[in-house]
mmCIF file of all heavy atoms, coordinates in Angstrom:
data_MODEL
# 
_entry.id   MODEL 
# 
loop_
_atom_site.group_PDB 
_atom_site.id 
_atom_site.type_symbol 
_atom_site.label_atom_id 
_atom_site.label_alt_id 
_atom_site.label_comp_id 
_atom_site.label_asym_id 
_atom_site.label_entity_id 
_atom_site.label_seq_id 
_atom_site.pdbx_PDB_ins_code 
_atom_site.Cartn_x 
_atom_site.Cartn_y 
_atom_site.Cartn_z 
_atom_site.occupancy 
_atom_site.B_iso_or_equiv 
_atom_site.pdbx_formal_charge 
_atom_site.auth_seq_id 
_atom_site.auth_comp_id 
_atom_site.auth_asym_id 
_atom_site.auth_atom_id 
_atom_site.pdbx_PDB_model_num 
ATOM 1   N N   . LEU A 1 1  ? 130.797 275.308 254.720 1.00 0.00 ? 1  LEU A N   1 
ATOM 2   C CA  . LEU A 1 1  ? 130.062 276.232 253.886 1.00 0.00 ? 1  LEU A CA  1 
ATOM 3   C C   . LEU A 1 1  ? 130.294 276.031 252.425 1.00 0.00 ? 1  LEU A C   1 
ATOM 4   O O   . LEU A 1 1  ? 129.388 276.109 251.564 1.00 0.00 ? 1  LEU A O   1 
ATOM 5   C CB  . LEU A 1 1  ? 130.206 277.759 254.317 1.00 0.00 ? 1  LEU A CB  1 
ATOM 6   C CG  . LEU A 1 1  ? 129.735 278.157 255.580 1.00 0.00 ? 1  LEU A CG  1 
ATOM 7   C CD1 . LEU A 1 1  ? 130.200 279.485 255.977 1.00 0.00 ? 1  LEU A CD1 1 
ATOM 8   C CD2 . LEU A 1 1  ? 128.098 278.125 255.564 1.00 0.00 ? 1  LEU A CD2 1 
ATOM 9   N N   . GLU A 1 2  ? 131.553 275.758 252.147 1.00 0.00 ? 2  GLU A N   1 
ATOM 10  C CA  . GLU A 1 2  ? 131.930 275.495 250.762 1.00 0.00 ? 2  GLU A CA  1 
ATOM 11  C C   . GLU A 1 2  ? 131.285 274.205 250.240 1.00 0.00 ? 2  GLU A C   1 
ATOM 12  O O   . GLU A 1 2  ? 131.091 274.062 249.013 1.00 0.00 ? 2  GLU A O   1 
ATOM 13  C CB  . GLU A 1 2  ? 133.462 275.401 250.554 1.00 0.00 ? 2  GLU A CB  1 
ATOM 14  C CG  . GLU A 1 2  ? 134.130 276.738 250.685 1.00 0.00 ? 2  GLU A CG  1 
ATOM 15  C CD  . GLU A 1 2  ? 135.554 276.715 250.848 1.00 0.00 ? 2  GLU A CD  1 
ATOM 16  O OE1 . GLU A 1 2  ? 136.144 275.525 250.892 1.00 0.00 ? 2  GLU A OE1 1 
ATOM 17  O OE2 . GLU A 1 2  ? 136.290 277.717 250.867 1.00 0.00 ? 2  GLU A OE2 1 
ATOM 18  N N   . GLY A 1 3  ? 130.988 273.231 251.171 1.00 0.00 ? 3  GLY A N   1 
ATOM 19  C CA  . GLY A 1 3  ? 130.414 272.052 250.731 1.00 0.00 ? 3  GLY A CA  1 
ATOM 20  C C   . GLY A 1 3  ? 128.831 272.052 250.582 1.00 0.00 ? 3  GLY A C   1 
ATOM 21  O O   . GLY A 1 3  ? 128.202 271.061 250.374 1.00 0.00 ? 3  GLY A O   1 
ATOM 22  N N   . LEU A 1 4  ? 128.266 273.220 250.882 1.00 0.00 ? 4  LEU A N   1 
ATOM 23  C CA  . LEU A 1 4  ? 126.822 273.357 250.820 1.00 0.00 ? 4  LEU A CA  1 
ATOM 24  C C   . LEU A 1 4  ? 126.367 273.034 249.409 1.00 0.00 ? 4  LEU A C   1 
ATOM 25  O O   . LEU A 1 4  ? 126.958 273.463 248.399 1.00 0.00 ? 4  LEU A O   1 
ATOM 26  C CB  . LEU A 1 4  ? 126.301 274.755 251.220 1.00 0.00 ? 4  LEU A CB  1 
ATOM 27  C CG  . LEU A 1 4  ? 126.304 275.099 252.651 1.00 0.00 ? 4  LEU A CG  1 
ATOM 28  C CD1 . LEU A 1 4  ? 125.875 276.557 252.794 1.00 0.00 ? 4  LEU A CD1 1 
ATOM 29  C CD2 . LEU A 1 4  ? 125.508 274.129 253.455 1.00 0.00 ? 4  LEU A CD2 1 
ATOM 30  N N   . ASP A 1 5  ? 125.330 272.210 249.238 1.00 0.00 ? 5  ASP A N   1 
ATOM 31  C CA  . ASP A 1 5  ? 124.779 271.887 248.011 1.00 0.00 ? 5  ASP A CA  1 
ATOM 32  C C   . ASP A 1 5  ? 123.384 271.470 248.210 1.00 0.00 ? 5  ASP A C   1 
ATOM 33  O O   . ASP A 1 5  ? 122.873 271.198 249.235 1.00 0.00 ? 5  ASP A O   1 
ATOM 34  C CB  . ASP A 1 5  ? 125.647 270.732 247.390 1.00 0.00 ? 5  ASP A CB  1 
ATOM 35  C CG  . ASP A 1 5  ? 125.469 270.611 245.798 1.00 0.00 ? 5  ASP A CG  1 
ATOM 36  O OD1 . ASP A 1 5  ? 124.708 271.368 245.272 1.00 0.00 ? 5  ASP A OD1 1 
ATOM 37  O OD2 . ASP A 1 5  ? 126.139 269.737 245.218 1.00 0.00 ? 5  ASP A OD2 1 
ATOM 38  N N   . TYR A 1 6  ? 122.693 271.244 247.087 1.00 0.00 ? 6  TYR A N   1 
ATOM 39  C CA  . TYR A 1 6  ? 121.273 270.858 247.057 1.00 0.00 ? 6  TYR A CA  1 
ATOM 40  C C   . TYR A 1 6  ? 121.311 269.284 247.395 1.00 0.00 ? 6  TYR A C   1 
ATOM 41  O O   . TYR A 1 6  ? 122.081 268.534 246.732 1.00 0.00 ? 6  TYR A O   1 
ATOM 42  C CB  . TYR A 1 6  ? 120.681 271.067 245.658 1.00 0.00 ? 6  TYR A CB  1 
ATOM 43  C CG  . TYR A 1 6  ? 119.216 270.952 245.708 1.00 0.00 ? 6  TYR A CG  1 
ATOM 44  C CD1 . TYR A 1 6  ? 118.505 272.183 246.092 1.00 0.00 ? 6  TYR A CD1 1 
ATOM 45  C CD2 . TYR A 1 6  ? 118.509 269.824 245.418 1.00 0.00 ? 6  TYR A CD2 1 
ATOM 46  C CE1 . TYR A 1 6  ? 117.066 272.048 246.085 1.00 0.00 ? 6  TYR A CE1 1 
ATOM 47  C CE2 . TYR A 1 6  ? 117.128 269.767 245.396 1.00 0.00 ? 6  TYR A CE2 1 
ATOM 48  C CZ  . TYR A 1 6  ? 116.474 270.942 245.796 1.00 0.00 ? 6  TYR A CZ  1 
ATOM 49  O OH  . TYR A 1 6  ? 115.046 270.865 245.821 1.00 0.00 ? 6  TYR A OH  1 
ATOM 50  N N   . LEU A 1 7  ? 120.558 268.970 248.475 1.00 0.00 ? 7  LEU A N   1 
ATOM 51  C CA  . LEU A 1 7  ? 120.548 267.584 248.839 1.00 0.00 ? 7  LEU A CA  1 
ATOM 52  C C   . LEU A 1 7  ? 119.719 266.748 247.891 1.00 0.00 ? 7  LEU A C   1 
ATOM 53  O O   . LEU A 1 7  ? 118.711 267.128 247.333 1.00 0.00 ? 7  LEU A O   1 
ATOM 54  C CB  . LEU A 1 7  ? 119.952 267.376 250.221 1.00 0.00 ? 7  LEU A CB  1 
ATOM 55  C CG  . LEU A 1 7  ? 120.728 267.957 251.385 1.00 0.00 ? 7  LEU A CG  1 
ATOM 56  C CD1 . LEU A 1 7  ? 119.927 267.816 252.678 1.00 0.00 ? 7  LEU A CD1 1 
ATOM 57  C CD2 . LEU A 1 7  ? 122.098 267.294 251.492 1.00 0.00 ? 7  LEU A CD2 1 
ATOM 58  N N   . THR A 1 8  ? 120.248 265.525 247.638 1.00 0.00 ? 8  THR A N   1 
ATOM 59  C CA  . THR A 1 8  ? 119.482 264.609 246.858 1.00 0.00 ? 8  THR A CA  1 
ATOM 60  C C   . THR A 1 8  ? 119.011 263.464 247.731 1.00 0.00 ? 8  THR A C   1 
ATOM 61  O O   . THR A 1 8  ? 119.629 263.181 248.824 1.00 0.00 ? 8  THR A O   1 
ATOM 62  C CB  . THR A 1 8  ? 120.371 264.040 245.686 1.00 0.00 ? 8  THR A CB  1 
ATOM 63  O OG1 . THR A 1 8  ? 121.509 263.454 246.287 1.00 0.00 ? 8  THR A OG1 1 
ATOM 64  C CG2 . THR A 1 8  ? 120.829 265.091 244.708 1.00 0.00 ? 8  THR A CG2 1 
ATOM 65  N N   . ALA A 1 9  ? 118.085 262.775 247.275 1.00 0.00 ? 9  ALA A N   1 
ATOM 66  C CA  . ALA A 1 9  ? 117.532 261.672 248.001 1.00 0.00 ? 9  ALA A CA  1 
ATOM 67  C C   . ALA A 1 9  ? 118.542 260.597 248.167 1.00 0.00 ? 9  ALA A C   1 
ATOM 68  O O   . ALA A 1 9  ? 119.375 260.297 247.209 1.00 0.00 ? 9  ALA A O   1 
ATOM 69  C CB  . ALA A 1 9  ? 116.340 261.058 247.378 1.00 0.00 ? 9  ALA A CB  1 
ATOM 70  N N   . PRO A 1 10 ? 118.640 259.894 249.239 1.00 0.00 ? 10 PRO A N   1 
ATOM 71  C CA  . PRO A 1 10 ? 119.577 258.821 249.438 1.00 0.00 ? 10 PRO A CA  1 
ATOM 72  C C   . PRO A 1 10 ? 119.305 257.577 248.550 1.00 0.00 ? 10 PRO A C   1 
ATOM 73  O O   . PRO A 1 10 ? 118.196 257.507 248.098 1.00 0.00 ? 10 PRO A O   1 
ATOM 74  C CB  . PRO A 1 10 ? 119.490 258.345 250.897 1.00 0.00 ? 10 PRO A CB  1 
ATOM 75  C CG  . PRO A 1 10 ? 118.157 258.935 251.328 1.00 0.00 ? 10 PRO A CG  1 
ATOM 76  C CD  . PRO A 1 10 ? 117.790 260.036 250.485 1.00 0.00 ? 10 PRO A CD  1 
ATOM 77  N N   . ASN A 1 11 ? 120.245 256.855 248.268 1.00 0.00 ? 11 ASN A N   1 
ATOM 78  C CA  . ASN A 1 11 ? 120.127 255.630 247.487 1.00 0.00 ? 11 ASN A CA  1 
ATOM 79  C C   . ASN A 1 11 ? 119.055 254.758 248.166 1.00 0.00 ? 11 ASN A C   1 
ATOM 80  O O   . ASN A 1 11 ? 119.023 254.656 249.367 1.00 0.00 ? 11 ASN A O   1 
ATOM 81  C CB  . ASN A 1 11 ? 121.448 254.923 247.199 1.00 0.00 ? 11 ASN A CB  1 
ATOM 82  C CG  . ASN A 1 11 ? 122.398 255.670 246.411 1.00 0.00 ? 11 ASN A CG  1 
ATOM 83  O OD1 . ASN A 1 11 ? 122.004 256.512 245.577 1.00 0.00 ? 11 ASN A OD1 1 
ATOM 84  N ND2 . ASN A 1 11 ? 123.653 255.576 246.733 1.00 0.00 ? 11 ASN A ND2 1 
ATOM 85  N N   . PRO A 1 12 ? 118.323 253.999 247.395 1.00 0.00 ? 12 PRO A N   1 
ATOM 86  C CA  . PRO A 1 12 ? 117.368 253.020 248.054 1.00 0.00 ? 12 PRO A CA  1 
ATOM 87  C C   . PRO A 1 12 ? 118.062 251.961 248.754 1.00 0.00 ? 12 PRO A C   1 
ATOM 88  O O   . PRO A 1 12 ? 119.242 251.546 248.351 1.00 0.00 ? 12 PRO A O   1 
ATOM 89  C CB  . PRO A 1 12 ? 116.614 252.530 246.821 1.00 0.00 ? 12 PRO A CB  1 
ATOM 90  C CG  . PRO A 1 12 ? 117.418 252.710 245.633 1.00 0.00 ? 12 PRO A CG  1 
ATOM 91  C CD  . PRO A 1 12 ? 118.239 253.957 245.984 1.00 0.00 ? 12 PRO A CD  1 
ATOM 92  N N   . PRO A 1 13 ? 117.412 251.344 249.810 1.00 0.00 ? 13 PRO A N   1 
ATOM 93  C CA  . PRO A 1 13 ? 118.133 250.359 250.584 1.00 0.00 ? 13 PRO A CA  1 
ATOM 94  C C   . PRO A 1 13 ? 118.137 249.010 249.770 1.00 0.00 ? 13 PRO A C   1 
ATOM 95  O O   . PRO A 1 13 ? 117.378 248.807 248.825 1.00 0.00 ? 13 PRO A O   1 
ATOM 96  C CB  . PRO A 1 13 ? 117.268 250.209 251.776 1.00 0.00 ? 13 PRO A CB  1 
ATOM 97  C CG  . PRO A 1 13 ? 115.904 250.664 251.277 1.00 0.00 ? 13 PRO A CG  1 
ATOM 98  C CD  . PRO A 1 13 ? 116.184 251.658 250.318 1.00 0.00 ? 13 PRO A CD  1 
ATOM 99  N N   . LEU A 1 14 ? 119.027 248.149 250.199 1.00 0.00 ? 14 LEU A N   1 
ATOM 100 C CA  . LEU A 1 14 ? 119.068 246.825 249.595 1.00 0.00 ? 14 LEU A CA  1 
ATOM 101 C C   . LEU A 1 14 ? 118.237 245.828 250.490 1.00 0.00 ? 14 LEU A C   1 
ATOM 102 O O   . LEU A 1 14 ? 118.668 245.702 251.675 1.00 0.00 ? 14 LEU A O   1 
ATOM 103 C CB  . LEU A 1 14 ? 120.448 246.349 249.446 1.00 0.00 ? 14 LEU A CB  1 
ATOM 104 C CG  . LEU A 1 14 ? 121.415 247.210 248.557 1.00 0.00 ? 14 LEU A CG  1 
ATOM 105 C CD1 . LEU A 1 14 ? 122.775 246.668 248.672 1.00 0.00 ? 14 LEU A CD1 1 
ATOM 106 C CD2 . LEU A 1 14 ? 120.918 247.096 247.119 1.00 0.00 ? 14 LEU A CD2 1 
ATOM 107 N N   . VAL A 1 15 ? 117.140 245.357 249.997 1.00 0.00 ? 15 VAL A N   1 
ATOM 108 C CA  . VAL A 1 15 ? 116.347 244.495 250.790 1.00 0.00 ? 15 VAL A CA  1 
ATOM 109 C C   . VAL A 1 15 ? 116.942 243.107 250.933 1.00 0.00 ? 15 VAL A C   1 
ATOM 110 O O   . VAL A 1 15 ? 117.388 242.544 249.966 1.00 0.00 ? 15 VAL A O   1 
ATOM 111 C CB  . VAL A 1 15 ? 114.895 244.354 250.183 1.00 0.00 ? 15 VAL A CB  1 
ATOM 112 C CG1 . VAL A 1 15 ? 114.090 243.334 250.959 1.00 0.00 ? 15 VAL A CG1 1 
ATOM 113 C CG2 . VAL A 1 15 ? 114.255 245.727 250.124 1.00 0.00 ? 15 VAL A CG2 1 
ATOM 114 N N   . ARG A 1 16 ? 117.002 242.659 252.244 1.00 0.00 ? 16 ARG A N   1 
ATOM 115 C CA  . ARG A 1 16 ? 117.618 241.340 252.484 1.00 0.00 ? 16 ARG A CA  1 
ATOM 116 C C   . ARG A 1 16 ? 116.486 240.363 252.486 1.00 0.00 ? 16 ARG A C   1 
ATOM 117 O O   . ARG A 1 16 ? 115.906 240.112 253.549 1.00 0.00 ? 16 ARG A O   1 
ATOM 118 C CB  . ARG A 1 16 ? 118.389 241.302 253.721 1.00 0.00 ? 16 ARG A CB  1 
ATOM 119 C CG  . ARG A 1 16 ? 119.597 242.335 253.593 1.00 0.00 ? 16 ARG A CG  1 
ATOM 120 C CD  . ARG A 1 16 ? 120.534 242.159 254.728 1.00 0.00 ? 16 ARG A CD  1 
ATOM 121 N NE  . ARG A 1 16 ? 121.082 240.886 254.810 1.00 0.00 ? 16 ARG A NE  1 
ATOM 122 C CZ  . ARG A 1 16 ? 121.762 240.386 255.880 1.00 0.00 ? 16 ARG A CZ  1 
ATOM 123 N NH1 . ARG A 1 16 ? 121.966 241.236 256.928 1.00 0.00 ? 16 ARG A NH1 1 
ATOM 124 N NH2 . ARG A 1 16 ? 122.182 239.257 255.974 1.00 0.00 ? 16 ARG A NH2 1 
ATOM 125 N N   . GLU A 1 17 ? 116.074 239.837 251.355 1.00 0.00 ? 17 GLU A N   1 
ATOM 126 C CA  . GLU A 1 17 ? 114.896 238.894 251.283 1.00 0.00 ? 17 GLU A CA  1 
ATOM 127 C C   . GLU A 1 17 ? 114.963 237.739 252.166 1.00 0.00 ? 17 GLU A C   1 
ATOM 128 O O   . GLU A 1 17 ? 113.937 237.253 252.738 1.00 0.00 ? 17 GLU A O   1 
ATOM 129 C CB  . GLU A 1 17 ? 114.773 238.460 249.815 1.00 0.00 ? 17 GLU A CB  1 
ATOM 130 C CG  . GLU A 1 17 ? 114.400 239.599 248.890 1.00 0.00 ? 17 GLU A CG  1 
ATOM 131 C CD  . GLU A 1 17 ? 114.205 239.099 247.502 1.00 0.00 ? 17 GLU A CD  1 
ATOM 132 O OE1 . GLU A 1 17 ? 113.979 237.968 247.198 1.00 0.00 ? 17 GLU A OE1 1 
ATOM 133 O OE2 . GLU A 1 17 ? 114.262 240.035 246.570 1.00 0.00 ? 17 GLU A OE2 1 
ATOM 134 N N   . GLU A 1 18 ? 116.146 237.188 252.373 1.00 0.00 ? 18 GLU A N   1 
ATOM 135 C CA  . GLU A 1 18 ? 116.232 235.988 253.304 1.00 0.00 ? 18 GLU A CA  1 
ATOM 136 C C   . GLU A 1 18 ? 115.863 236.296 254.744 1.00 0.00 ? 18 GLU A C   1 
ATOM 137 O O   . GLU A 1 18 ? 115.599 235.321 255.465 1.00 0.00 ? 18 GLU A O   1 
ATOM 138 C CB  . GLU A 1 18 ? 117.725 235.456 253.235 1.00 0.00 ? 18 GLU A CB  1 
ATOM 139 C CG  . GLU A 1 18 ? 118.716 236.199 253.977 1.00 0.00 ? 18 GLU A CG  1 
ATOM 140 C CD  . GLU A 1 18 ? 119.354 237.422 253.168 1.00 0.00 ? 18 GLU A CD  1 
ATOM 141 O OE1 . GLU A 1 18 ? 118.892 237.666 251.931 1.00 0.00 ? 18 GLU A OE1 1 
ATOM 142 O OE2 . GLU A 1 18 ? 120.331 237.995 253.625 1.00 0.00 ? 18 GLU A OE2 1 
ATOM 143 N N   . LEU A 1 19 ? 115.825 237.540 255.181 1.00 0.00 ? 19 LEU A N   1 
ATOM 144 C CA  . LEU A 1 19 ? 115.396 237.845 256.534 1.00 0.00 ? 19 LEU A CA  1 
ATOM 145 C C   . LEU A 1 19 ? 113.991 238.432 256.538 1.00 0.00 ? 19 LEU A C   1 
ATOM 146 O O   . LEU A 1 19 ? 113.431 238.681 257.600 1.00 0.00 ? 19 LEU A O   1 
ATOM 147 C CB  . LEU A 1 19 ? 116.392 238.964 257.058 1.00 0.00 ? 19 LEU A CB  1 
ATOM 148 C CG  . LEU A 1 19 ? 117.844 238.565 257.196 1.00 0.00 ? 19 LEU A CG  1 
ATOM 149 C CD1 . LEU A 1 19 ? 118.729 239.733 257.664 1.00 0.00 ? 19 LEU A CD1 1 
ATOM 150 C CD2 . LEU A 1 19 ? 117.939 237.411 258.175 1.00 0.00 ? 19 LEU A CD2 1 
ATOM 151 N N   . CYS A 1 20 ? 113.389 238.662 255.448 1.00 0.00 ? 20 CYS A N   1 
ATOM 152 C CA  . CYS A 1 20 ? 111.996 239.147 255.377 1.00 0.00 ? 20 CYS A CA  1 
ATOM 153 C C   . CYS A 1 20 ? 110.937 238.002 255.755 1.00 0.00 ? 20 CYS A C   1 
ATOM 154 O O   . CYS A 1 20 ? 111.180 236.882 255.392 1.00 0.00 ? 20 CYS A O   1 
ATOM 155 C CB  . CYS A 1 20 ? 111.705 239.760 254.061 1.00 0.00 ? 20 CYS A CB  1 
ATOM 156 S SG  . CYS A 1 20 ? 112.740 241.208 253.621 1.00 0.00 ? 20 CYS A SG  1 
ATOM 157 N N   . THR A 1 21 ? 110.006 238.501 256.409 1.00 0.00 ? 21 THR A N   1 
ATOM 158 C CA  . THR A 1 21 ? 108.852 237.472 256.815 1.00 0.00 ? 21 THR A CA  1 
ATOM 159 C C   . THR A 1 21 ? 107.476 238.119 256.617 1.00 0.00 ? 21 THR A C   1 
ATOM 160 O O   . THR A 1 21 ? 107.376 239.422 256.556 1.00 0.00 ? 21 THR A O   1 
ATOM 161 C CB  . THR A 1 21 ? 109.014 237.061 258.306 1.00 0.00 ? 21 THR A CB  1 
ATOM 162 O OG1 . THR A 1 21 ? 108.871 238.252 259.115 1.00 0.00 ? 21 THR A OG1 1 
ATOM 163 C CG2 . THR A 1 21 ? 110.359 236.394 258.548 1.00 0.00 ? 21 THR A CG2 1 
ATOM 164 N N   . ALA A 1 22 ? 106.531 237.243 256.435 1.00 0.00 ? 22 ALA A N   1 
ATOM 165 C CA  . ALA A 1 22 ? 105.171 237.715 256.215 1.00 0.00 ? 22 ALA A CA  1 
ATOM 166 C C   . ALA A 1 22 ? 104.170 236.719 257.017 1.00 0.00 ? 22 ALA A C   1 
ATOM 167 O O   . ALA A 1 22 ? 104.495 235.499 256.963 1.00 0.00 ? 22 ALA A O   1 
ATOM 168 C CB  . ALA A 1 22 ? 104.750 237.779 254.793 1.00 0.00 ? 22 ALA A CB  1 
ATOM 169 N N   . SER A 1 23 ? 103.215 237.280 257.658 1.00 0.00 ? 23 SER A N   1 
ATOM 170 C CA  . SER A 1 23 ? 102.238 236.416 258.353 1.00 0.00 ? 23 SER A CA  1 
ATOM 171 C C   . SER A 1 23 ? 100.858 237.008 257.917 1.00 0.00 ? 23 SER A C   1 
ATOM 172 O O   . SER A 1 23 ? 100.720 237.975 257.129 1.00 0.00 ? 23 SER A O   1 
ATOM 173 C CB  . SER A 1 23 ? 102.418 236.355 259.777 1.00 0.00 ? 23 SER A CB  1 
ATOM 174 O OG  . SER A 1 23 ? 102.255 237.611 260.354 1.00 0.00 ? 23 SER A OG  1 
ATOM 175 N N   . HIS A 1 24 ? 99.774  236.562 258.577 1.00 0.00 ? 24 HIS A N   1 
ATOM 176 C CA  . HIS A 1 24 ? 98.443  237.026 258.311 1.00 0.00 ? 24 HIS A CA  1 
ATOM 177 C C   . HIS A 1 24 ? 98.324  238.557 258.380 1.00 0.00 ? 24 HIS A C   1 
ATOM 178 O O   . HIS A 1 24 ? 97.762  239.160 257.403 1.00 0.00 ? 24 HIS A O   1 
ATOM 179 C CB  . HIS A 1 24 ? 97.505  236.378 259.285 1.00 0.00 ? 24 HIS A CB  1 
ATOM 180 C CG  . HIS A 1 24 ? 96.115  236.840 259.107 1.00 0.00 ? 24 HIS A CG  1 
ATOM 181 N ND1 . HIS A 1 24 ? 95.313  236.606 257.973 1.00 0.00 ? 24 HIS A ND1 1 
ATOM 182 C CD2 . HIS A 1 24 ? 95.286  237.593 259.886 1.00 0.00 ? 24 HIS A CD2 1 
ATOM 183 C CE1 . HIS A 1 24 ? 94.195  237.142 258.101 1.00 0.00 ? 24 HIS A CE1 1 
ATOM 184 N NE2 . HIS A 1 24 ? 94.097  237.753 259.283 1.00 0.00 ? 24 HIS A NE2 1 
ATOM 185 N N   . ASP A 1 25 ? 98.851  239.195 259.406 1.00 0.00 ? 25 ASP A N   1 
ATOM 186 C CA  . ASP A 1 25 ? 98.665  240.617 259.534 1.00 0.00 ? 25 ASP A CA  1 
ATOM 187 C C   . ASP A 1 25 ? 99.969  241.388 259.710 1.00 0.00 ? 25 ASP A C   1 
ATOM 188 O O   . ASP A 1 25 ? 99.950  242.582 260.054 1.00 0.00 ? 25 ASP A O   1 
ATOM 189 C CB  . ASP A 1 25 ? 97.703  240.916 260.715 1.00 0.00 ? 25 ASP A CB  1 
ATOM 190 C CG  . ASP A 1 25 ? 98.176  240.389 262.026 1.00 0.00 ? 25 ASP A CG  1 
ATOM 191 O OD1 . ASP A 1 25 ? 99.180  239.680 262.028 1.00 0.00 ? 25 ASP A OD1 1 
ATOM 192 O OD2 . ASP A 1 25 ? 97.648  240.790 263.043 1.00 0.00 ? 25 ASP A OD2 1 
# 
């Protein structure tokens, strides 16, 4: 209860570009 606080959005993720893929769809 003492730790209750207004939540903030989490930090954005780190995109691992070497694992990302793209194809036609």
